[in-house]
Every structure is written in structure tokens, then in C-alpha cells.
């Protein structure tokens, strides 16, 4: 039976290749996993208003995909106060807002598909300080007010973990294949 032996020289090339591969992953990972980021809200997050805004919007650092973009204004009563469907205007998702009703905190609940295809969702709030005379829409469901920004395998970074594992496996196999067999004397 042949004994397995590794020489230091046989492992130098795979080690260099591994270092280069890992550095490449560390540099490229933040670029590859950069999803849309919120750059602003209208009304501003945490602001107080004494009258209803005509529209509500969430602005991103890039143009979101138009498919599946949603934005709802949910009142302190749990009802939807936005009117109609959300639309993409430049780098913003926008929805019309009718006359609001009760005083209290209103939540902007959004979900978009970023340019790289990943879903991005979240919430922001503003406070209505003077009661309006609006009529609420339907009750909001729990899925429309989710604060989840990313999901999936390892919080959306599973593909990076899988690449690192694949590179390590490849480097190990390469080191095994390039080893010099022990010669018998």
C-alpha cells in the first residue's frame, strides 16, 4: 500500500493559488453583493406632518426593477391609506396618498427588486399631528409591513460561502494531484 506524503514544494503552488483566490473573493464579494440602498424617504423617516402628503416615496441609490415594486402607507389603525399601485419614477418607488385620517404614526412599507435581482424591503414612519378627514382602505396584511431586507441561505451570502468552499476543495485536490510520490530506496 502506498503511503500518502506531501512535500512542501508540492503545496507552494496550491497555497499561492488559494491566497490569490481568497483575495479575489474578498475584494469582489462586497461588489457582487451590493443591493439597492435607500437614500431617502418622502415624507422623511421620523418626521411630523400636520397635513396629508400628496405622495409617498422611497428613493434608492440605483433604479429598482419595475416588476413587483410595492409601497403602502399604513395608518395607526392598521389600514392602508395609500391609493392605487406603486410606480417607479427614476430611482424612486412612488405611491399616491389620499387624505389621511387619525393622528399617529403612519408607516411606509416597501418592497422592491434591486437592479441585481434581489428583493429589498423595509419600513419608515412619519407622524400625522392633526386629524384628517380621509377614509381608510383595506386592512394591511402582515406581509406588506415586513422589516426583512434580505433572506435566503446565510442571509443572502450563501453563494460566497459556496465559492470559498469550492476554491478550498479545488486547492486541496490540486495539491494532492501535484504531490510527488515517495520513492522507495
C-alpha atoms as a PDB file:
ATOM      1  CA  UNK A   1       0.000   0.000   0.000  1.00  0.00           C
ATOM      2  CA  UNK A   2       1.316   3.391  -0.959  1.00  0.00           C
ATOM      3  CA  UNK A   3       1.728   5.943   1.805  1.00  0.00           C
ATOM      4  CA  UNK A   4       0.446   9.463   1.255  1.00  0.00           C
ATOM      5  CA  UNK A   5       3.155  12.054   1.609  1.00  0.00           C
ATOM      6  CA  UNK A   6       3.126  15.759   0.894  1.00  0.00           C
ATOM      7  CA  UNK A   7       6.180  17.784   0.149  1.00  0.00           C
ATOM      8  CA  UNK A   8       6.448  21.470   0.905  1.00  0.00           C
ATOM      9  CA  UNK A   9       7.199  22.213  -2.752  1.00  0.00           C
ATOM     10  CA  UNK A  10       4.034  20.423  -3.899  1.00  0.00           C
ATOM     11  CA  UNK A  11       1.947  22.646  -1.658  1.00  0.00           C
ATOM     12  CA  UNK A  12       3.540  26.001  -2.598  1.00  0.00           C
ATOM     13  CA  UNK A  13       1.650  26.450  -5.875  1.00  0.00           C
ATOM     14  CA  UNK A  14      -1.774  25.483  -4.441  1.00  0.00           C
ATOM     15  CA  UNK A  15      -1.160  27.745  -1.455  1.00  0.00           C
ATOM     16  CA  UNK A  16      -0.364  30.701  -3.722  1.00  0.00           C
ATOM     17  CA  UNK A  17      -3.409  29.935  -5.853  1.00  0.00           C
ATOM     18  CA  UNK A  18      -5.551  29.730  -2.733  1.00  0.00           C
ATOM     19  CA  UNK A  19      -4.298  33.091  -1.456  1.00  0.00           C
ATOM     20  CA  UNK A  20      -4.987  34.729  -4.827  1.00  0.00           C
ATOM     21  CA  UNK A  21      -8.469  33.154  -4.993  1.00  0.00           C
ATOM     22  CA  UNK A  22      -9.367  34.246  -1.460  1.00  0.00           C
ATOM     23  CA  UNK A  23      -8.133  37.797  -2.038  1.00  0.00           C
ATOM     24  CA  UNK A  24     -10.189  37.938  -5.223  1.00  0.00           C
ATOM     25  CA  UNK A  25     -13.267  36.787  -3.313  1.00  0.00           C
ATOM     26  CA  UNK A  26     -12.723  39.291  -0.519  1.00  0.00           C
ATOM     27  CA  UNK A  27     -12.391  42.150  -2.992  1.00  0.00           C
ATOM     28  CA  UNK A  28     -15.230  41.063  -5.292  1.00  0.00           C
ATOM     29  CA  UNK A  29     -17.726  39.957  -2.618  1.00  0.00           C
ATOM     30  CA  UNK A  30     -18.795  43.444  -1.481  1.00  0.00           C
ATOM     31  CA  UNK A  31     -19.216  44.496  -5.101  1.00  0.00           C
ATOM     32  CA  UNK A  32     -21.202  41.403  -6.056  1.00  0.00           C
ATOM     33  CA  UNK A  33     -23.476  41.569  -3.026  1.00  0.00           C
ATOM     34  CA  UNK A  34     -24.235  45.303  -3.147  1.00  0.00           C
ATOM     35  CA  UNK A  35     -28.005  45.576  -3.371  1.00  0.00           C
ATOM     36  CA  UNK A  36     -30.100  48.699  -3.647  1.00  0.00           C
ATOM     37  CA  UNK A  37     -29.747  51.016  -0.655  1.00  0.00           C
ATOM     38  CA  UNK A  38     -32.309  53.570   0.491  1.00  0.00           C
ATOM     39  CA  UNK A  39     -31.082  57.145   0.112  1.00  0.00           C
ATOM     40  CA  UNK A  40     -34.228  58.937   1.252  1.00  0.00           C
ATOM     41  CA  UNK A  41     -37.899  58.887   2.169  1.00  0.00           C
ATOM     42  CA  UNK A  42     -40.721  61.315   1.499  1.00  0.00           C
ATOM     43  CA  UNK A  43     -42.139  62.102   3.993  1.00  0.00           C
ATOM     44  CA  UNK A  44     -38.815  61.840   5.817  1.00  0.00           C
ATOM     45  CA  UNK A  45     -38.402  58.985   8.273  1.00  0.00           C
ATOM     46  CA  UNK A  46     -39.351  60.217  11.754  1.00  0.00           C
ATOM     47  CA  UNK A  47     -40.900  63.468  10.512  1.00  0.00           C
ATOM     48  CA  UNK A  48     -44.112  65.059  11.804  1.00  0.00           C
ATOM     49  CA  UNK A  49     -46.745  66.450   9.424  1.00  0.00           C
ATOM     50  CA  UNK A  50     -49.884  68.444  10.140  1.00  0.00           C
ATOM     51  CA  UNK A  51     -51.459  67.581   6.745  1.00  0.00           C
ATOM     52  CA  UNK A  52     -51.532  64.647   4.341  1.00  0.00           C
ATOM     53  CA  UNK A  53     -48.774  64.443   1.710  1.00  0.00           C
ATOM     54  CA  UNK A  54     -49.914  64.088  -1.929  1.00  0.00           C
ATOM     55  CA  UNK A  55     -47.481  61.207  -2.477  1.00  0.00           C
ATOM     56  CA  UNK A  56     -45.108  58.997  -0.541  1.00  0.00           C
ATOM     57  CA  UNK A  57     -41.814  57.741  -1.938  1.00  0.00           C
ATOM     58  CA  UNK A  58     -38.677  55.778  -1.176  1.00  0.00           C
ATOM     59  CA  UNK A  59     -35.539  56.699  -3.152  1.00  0.00           C
ATOM     60  CA  UNK A  60     -32.685  54.268  -3.812  1.00  0.00           C
ATOM     61  CA  UNK A  61     -29.059  54.547  -4.952  1.00  0.00           C
ATOM     62  CA  UNK A  62     -29.987  52.876  -8.265  1.00  0.00           C
ATOM     63  CA  UNK A  63     -33.060  52.382 -10.417  1.00  0.00           C
ATOM     64  CA  UNK A  64     -35.098  49.480  -9.000  1.00  0.00           C
ATOM     65  CA  UNK A  65     -36.776  46.989 -11.319  1.00  0.00           C
ATOM     66  CA  UNK A  66     -40.373  47.857 -12.061  1.00  0.00           C
ATOM     67  CA  UNK A  67     -41.663  44.321 -11.501  1.00  0.00           C
ATOM     68  CA  UNK A  68     -43.056  43.637  -8.058  1.00  0.00           C
ATOM     69  CA  UNK A  69     -42.390  47.125  -6.652  1.00  0.00           C
ATOM     70  CA  UNK A  70     -44.773  47.891  -3.795  1.00  0.00           C
ATOM     71  CA  UNK A  71     -45.182  50.809  -1.428  1.00  0.00           C
ATOM     72  CA  UNK A  72     -48.050  51.151   1.025  1.00  0.00           C
ATOM     73  CA  UNK A  73     -48.863  53.780   3.621  1.00  0.00           C
ATOM     74  CA  UNK A  74     -50.293  52.008   6.665  1.00  0.00           C
ATOM     75  CA  UNK A  75     -52.009  54.094   9.335  1.00  0.00           C
ATOM     76  CA  UNK A  76     -52.063  53.778  13.118  1.00  0.00           C
ATOM     77  CA  UNK A  77     -55.391  51.965  12.707  1.00  0.00           C
ATOM     78  CA  UNK A  78     -53.746  49.172  10.664  1.00  0.00           C
ATOM     79  CA  UNK A  79     -55.432  50.215   7.410  1.00  0.00           C
ATOM     80  CA  UNK A  80     -53.853  51.134   4.089  1.00  0.00           C
ATOM     81  CA  UNK A  81     -54.090  54.860   3.358  1.00  0.00           C
ATOM     82  CA  UNK A  82     -52.183  54.941   0.047  1.00  0.00           C
ATOM     83  CA  UNK A  83     -54.208  54.997  -3.163  1.00  0.00           C
ATOM     84  CA  UNK A  84     -53.513  52.878  -6.229  1.00  0.00           C
ATOM     85  CA  UNK A  85     -50.406  50.962  -7.211  1.00  0.00           C
ATOM     86  CA  UNK A  86     -46.826  51.993  -6.639  1.00  0.00           C
ATOM     87  CA  UNK A  87     -44.798  53.135  -9.644  1.00  0.00           C
ATOM     88  CA  UNK A  88     -41.121  53.640 -10.424  1.00  0.00           C
ATOM     89  CA  UNK A  89     -40.061  57.229 -11.130  1.00  0.00           C
ATOM     90  CA  UNK A  90     -36.333  57.401 -11.724  1.00  0.00           C
ATOM     91  CA  UNK A  91     -34.642  55.907  -8.675  1.00  0.00           C
ATOM     92  CA  UNK A  92     -37.796  56.129  -6.531  1.00  0.00           C
ATOM     93  CA  UNK A  93     -40.838  53.997  -5.891  1.00  0.00           C
ATOM     94  CA  UNK A  94     -43.815  56.347  -5.521  1.00  0.00           C
ATOM     95  CA  UNK A  95     -47.462  55.936  -4.475  1.00  0.00           C
ATOM     96  CA  UNK A  96     -50.309  58.433  -4.269  1.00  0.00           C
ATOM     97  CA  UNK A  97     -51.682  59.227  -0.824  1.00  0.00           C
ATOM     98  CA  UNK A  98     -55.228  60.365  -0.202  1.00  0.00           C
ATOM     99  CA  UNK A  99     -56.423  62.417   2.713  1.00  0.00           C
ATOM    100  CA  UNK A 100     -55.182  60.714   5.872  1.00  0.00           C
ATOM    101  CA  UNK A 101     -57.335  60.079   8.929  1.00  0.00           C
ATOM    102  CA  UNK A 102     -56.404  59.536  12.546  1.00  0.00           C
ATOM    103  CA  UNK A 103     -53.426  61.189  14.185  1.00  0.00           C
ATOM    104  CA  UNK A 104     -50.488  58.966  14.976  1.00  0.00           C
ATOM    105  CA  UNK A 105     -47.700  57.062  13.274  1.00  0.00           C
ATOM    106  CA  UNK A 106     -48.009  56.105   9.611  1.00  0.00           C
ATOM    107  CA  UNK A 107     -45.685  53.505   8.149  1.00  0.00           C
ATOM    108  CA  UNK A 108     -44.206  53.448   4.653  1.00  0.00           C
ATOM    109  CA  UNK A 109     -43.820  49.724   3.896  1.00  0.00           C
ATOM    110  CA  UNK A 110     -41.873  48.995   0.708  1.00  0.00           C
ATOM    111  CA  UNK A 111     -40.539  46.037  -1.227  1.00  0.00           C
ATOM    112  CA  UNK A 112     -38.627  46.326  -4.484  1.00  0.00           C
ATOM    113  CA  UNK A 113     -36.440  44.164  -6.662  1.00  0.00           C
ATOM    114  CA  UNK A 114     -32.973  45.695  -6.875  1.00  0.00           C
ATOM    115  CA  UNK A 115     -31.114  46.005 -10.165  1.00  0.00           C
ATOM    116  CA  UNK A 116     -29.218  42.783  -9.363  1.00  0.00           C
ATOM    117  CA  UNK A 117     -32.481  40.871  -8.849  1.00  0.00           C
ATOM    118  CA  UNK A 118     -32.516  40.635  -5.049  1.00  0.00           C
ATOM    119  CA  UNK A 119     -35.563  41.715  -3.054  1.00  0.00           C
ATOM    120  CA  UNK A 120     -35.110  44.681  -0.740  1.00  0.00           C
ATOM    121  CA  UNK A 121     -37.789  45.666   1.765  1.00  0.00           C
ATOM    122  CA  UNK A 122     -38.205  47.760   4.852  1.00  0.00           C
ATOM    123  CA  UNK A 123     -40.201  50.439   6.601  1.00  0.00           C
ATOM    124  CA  UNK A 124     -40.055  54.075   7.629  1.00  0.00           C
ATOM    125  CA  UNK A 125     -42.510  56.117   9.693  1.00  0.00           C
ATOM    126  CA  UNK A 126     -43.894  59.615   9.922  1.00  0.00           C
ATOM    127  CA  UNK A 127     -46.393  61.111  12.352  1.00  0.00           C
ATOM    128  CA  UNK A 128     -49.619  62.901  11.460  1.00  0.00           C
ATOM    129  CA  UNK A 129     -50.208  65.533  14.172  1.00  0.00           C
ATOM    130  CA  UNK A 130     -53.646  66.833  13.075  1.00  0.00           C
ATOM    131  CA  UNK A 131     -56.520  64.513  12.269  1.00  0.00           C
ATOM    132  CA  UNK A 132     -57.616  64.339   8.648  1.00  0.00           C
ATOM    133  CA  UNK A 133     -60.993  63.507   7.150  1.00  0.00           C
ATOM    134  CA  UNK A 134     -59.875  60.655   4.858  1.00  0.00           C
ATOM    135  CA  UNK A 135     -61.421  57.231   4.506  1.00  0.00           C
ATOM    136  CA  UNK A 136     -59.152  54.236   5.063  1.00  0.00           C
ATOM    137  CA  UNK A 137     -58.585  51.439   2.586  1.00  0.00           C
ATOM    138  CA  UNK A 138     -58.397  47.752   3.341  1.00  0.00           C
ATOM    139  CA  UNK A 139     -56.612  46.414   6.402  1.00  0.00           C
ATOM    140  CA  UNK A 140     -52.895  45.877   5.812  1.00  0.00           C
ATOM    141  CA  UNK A 141     -51.690  42.285   5.881  1.00  0.00           C
ATOM    142  CA  UNK A 142     -48.613  41.262   7.835  1.00  0.00           C
ATOM    143  CA  UNK A 143     -46.529  40.553   4.709  1.00  0.00           C
ATOM    144  CA  UNK A 144     -46.834  44.141   3.476  1.00  0.00           C
ATOM    145  CA  UNK A 145     -45.175  45.574   6.582  1.00  0.00           C
ATOM    146  CA  UNK A 146     -42.190  43.257   6.824  1.00  0.00           C
ATOM    147  CA  UNK A 147     -38.902  44.749   8.021  1.00  0.00           C
ATOM    148  CA  UNK A 148     -36.889  41.963   6.399  1.00  0.00           C
ATOM    149  CA  UNK A 149     -34.275  43.280   3.991  1.00  0.00           C
ATOM    150  CA  UNK A 150     -32.831  40.016   2.741  1.00  0.00           C
ATOM    151  CA  UNK A 151     -33.347  36.337   3.235  1.00  0.00           C
ATOM    152  CA  UNK A 152     -32.213  33.050   1.957  1.00  0.00           C
ATOM    153  CA  UNK A 153     -29.213  30.863   2.587  1.00  0.00           C
ATOM    154  CA  UNK A 154     -26.892  32.535   5.130  1.00  0.00           C
ATOM    155  CA  UNK A 155     -28.625  35.898   4.853  1.00  0.00           C
ATOM    156  CA  UNK A 156     -28.013  36.222   1.121  1.00  0.00           C
ATOM    157  CA  UNK A 157     -24.285  35.457   1.344  1.00  0.00           C
ATOM    158  CA  UNK A 158     -24.600  31.713   0.773  1.00  0.00           C
ATOM    159  CA  UNK A 159     -23.164  31.971  -2.732  1.00  0.00           C
ATOM    160  CA  UNK A 160     -19.946  33.449  -1.317  1.00  0.00           C
ATOM    161  CA  UNK A 161     -19.623  30.624   1.218  1.00  0.00           C
ATOM    162  CA  UNK A 162     -20.161  28.065  -1.538  1.00  0.00           C
ATOM    163  CA  UNK A 163     -17.477  29.689  -3.710  1.00  0.00           C
ATOM    164  CA  UNK A 164     -14.974  29.701  -0.838  1.00  0.00           C
ATOM    165  CA  UNK A 165     -15.685  26.018  -0.136  1.00  0.00           C
ATOM    166  CA  UNK A 166     -15.278  25.198  -3.836  1.00  0.00           C
ATOM    167  CA  UNK A 167     -11.949  27.074  -4.022  1.00  0.00           C
ATOM    168  CA  UNK A 168     -10.665  25.278  -0.917  1.00  0.00           C
ATOM    169  CA  UNK A 169     -11.725  21.899  -2.310  1.00  0.00           C
ATOM    170  CA  UNK A 170     -10.066  22.685  -5.641  1.00  0.00           C
ATOM    171  CA  UNK A 171      -6.836  23.792  -3.945  1.00  0.00           C
ATOM    172  CA  UNK A 172      -6.779  20.621  -1.850  1.00  0.00           C
ATOM    173  CA  UNK A 173      -7.376  18.414  -4.874  1.00  0.00           C
ATOM    174  CA  UNK A 174      -4.705  20.263  -6.845  1.00  0.00           C
ATOM    175  CA  UNK A 175      -2.214  19.860  -4.005  1.00  0.00           C
ATOM    176  CA  UNK A 176      -2.994  16.158  -3.813  1.00  0.00           C
ATOM    177  CA  UNK A 177      -2.626  15.731  -7.588  1.00  0.00           C
ATOM    178  CA  UNK A 178       0.668  17.648  -7.773  1.00  0.00           C
ATOM    179  CA  UNK A 179       2.342  15.878  -4.897  1.00  0.00           C
ATOM    180  CA  UNK A 180       5.440  13.875  -5.589  1.00  0.00           C
ATOM    181  CA  UNK A 181       5.088  10.229  -4.732  1.00  0.00           C
ATOM    182  CA  UNK A 182       7.517   8.906  -2.188  1.00  0.00           C
ATOM    183  CA  UNK A 183      10.231   6.910  -3.892  1.00  0.00           C
ATOM    184  CA  UNK A 184      11.386   3.608  -2.466  1.00  0.00           C
ATOM    185  CA  UNK A 185      15.105   3.109  -1.926  1.00  0.00           C
END
